[in-house]
Amino acid sequence: MKSIWQQVLQYFYIRKSDPNAPKSTYLSMMHGMNRISIILFVIAIIIMIIRLIKR
């Protein structure tokens, strides 16, 4: 079982994915959606920190 950090690194193409892992269109779509949600989450955290500092 992979750790969460290894999976996150694979989402952002920082770490190479396992060549023996099964490939399907549904799995790649799920990874794409997860990548988008992680990016939006990081953007929202940055905006919250900026608003907190401006106060």
C-alpha atoms as a PDB file:
ATOM      1  CA  MET A   1       0.000   0.000   0.000  1.00  0.00           C
ATOM      2  CA  LYS A   2       1.338   3.401  -0.986  1.00  0.00           C
ATOM      3  CA  SER A   3       1.673   6.243   1.430  1.00  0.00           C
ATOM      4  CA  ILE A   4      -0.314   9.429   0.907  1.00  0.00           C
ATOM      5  CA  TRP A   5       2.815  11.490   0.193  1.00  0.00           C
ATOM      6  CA  GLN A   6       3.988   9.091  -2.509  1.00  0.00           C
ATOM      7  CA  GLN A   7       0.582   9.351  -4.184  1.00  0.00           C
ATOM      8  CA  VAL A   8       0.631  13.167  -4.023  1.00  0.00           C
ATOM      9  CA  LEU A   9       4.100  13.246  -5.601  1.00  0.00           C
ATOM     10  CA  GLN A  10       2.825  11.021  -8.412  1.00  0.00           C
ATOM     11  CA  TYR A  11      -0.185  13.315  -8.983  1.00  0.00           C
ATOM     12  CA  PHE A  12       2.114  16.257  -9.609  1.00  0.00           C
ATOM     13  CA  TYR A  13       4.530  14.182 -11.707  1.00  0.00           C
ATOM     14  CA  ILE A  14       7.346  14.761  -9.194  1.00  0.00           C
ATOM     15  CA  ARG A  15       7.779  11.040  -8.645  1.00  0.00           C
ATOM     16  CA  LYS A  16       7.561   8.496 -11.434  1.00  0.00           C
ATOM     17  CA  SER A  17       4.564   6.178 -11.248  1.00  0.00           C
ATOM     18  CA  ASP A  18       4.818   2.429 -10.885  1.00  0.00           C
ATOM     19  CA  PRO A  19       5.098   0.811 -14.354  1.00  0.00           C
ATOM     20  CA  ASN A  20       3.434  -2.380 -13.059  1.00  0.00           C
ATOM     21  CA  ALA A  21       0.329  -0.527 -11.841  1.00  0.00           C
ATOM     22  CA  PRO A  22      -2.887  -1.240 -13.740  1.00  0.00           C
ATOM     23  CA  LYS A  23      -3.930   1.486 -16.186  1.00  0.00           C
ATOM     24  CA  SER A  24      -7.510   2.408 -16.942  1.00  0.00           C
ATOM     25  CA  THR A  25      -9.333   5.510 -18.105  1.00  0.00           C
ATOM     26  CA  TYR A  26     -11.344   5.696 -14.887  1.00  0.00           C
ATOM     27  CA  LEU A  27      -8.203   5.626 -12.791  1.00  0.00           C
ATOM     28  CA  SER A  28      -6.571   8.367 -14.842  1.00  0.00           C
ATOM     29  CA  MET A  29      -9.725  10.513 -14.598  1.00  0.00           C
ATOM     30  CA  MET A  30      -9.786  10.015 -10.844  1.00  0.00           C
ATOM     31  CA  HIS A  31      -6.144  11.081 -10.592  1.00  0.00           C
ATOM     32  CA  GLY A  32      -6.891  14.153 -12.688  1.00  0.00           C
ATOM     33  CA  MET A  33      -9.788  15.139 -10.436  1.00  0.00           C
ATOM     34  CA  ASN A  34      -7.637  14.606  -7.357  1.00  0.00           C
ATOM     35  CA  ARG A  35      -4.889  16.755  -8.889  1.00  0.00           C
ATOM     36  CA  ILE A  36      -7.378  19.581  -9.507  1.00  0.00           C
ATOM     37  CA  SER A  37      -8.805  19.364  -5.979  1.00  0.00           C
ATOM     38  CA  ILE A  38      -5.337  19.439  -4.389  1.00  0.00           C
ATOM     39  CA  ILE A  39      -4.382  22.507  -6.445  1.00  0.00           C
ATOM     40  CA  LEU A  40      -7.612  24.309  -5.496  1.00  0.00           C
ATOM     41  CA  PHE A  41      -7.094  23.419  -1.838  1.00  0.00           C
ATOM     42  CA  VAL A  42      -3.565  24.839  -1.853  1.00  0.00           C
ATOM     43  CA  ILE A  43      -4.772  28.026  -3.580  1.00  0.00           C
ATOM     44  CA  ALA A  44      -7.541  28.443  -0.984  1.00  0.00           C
ATOM     45  CA  ILE A  45      -5.072  27.984   1.897  1.00  0.00           C
ATOM     46  CA  ILE A  46      -2.740  30.598   0.360  1.00  0.00           C
ATOM     47  CA  ILE A  47      -5.632  33.068  -0.006  1.00  0.00           C
ATOM     48  CA  MET A  48      -6.691  32.482   3.612  1.00  0.00           C
ATOM     49  CA  ILE A  49      -3.140  33.066   4.845  1.00  0.00           C
ATOM     50  CA  ILE A  50      -2.847  36.287   2.805  1.00  0.00           C
ATOM     51  CA  ARG A  51      -6.150  37.578   4.188  1.00  0.00           C
ATOM     52  CA  LEU A  52      -5.062  36.697   7.719  1.00  0.00           C
ATOM     53  CA  ILE A  53      -1.763  38.578   7.301  1.00  0.00           C
ATOM     54  CA  LYS A  54      -3.457  41.672   5.828  1.00  0.00           C
ATOM     55  CA  ARG A  55      -5.625  42.128   8.937  1.00  0.00           C
END
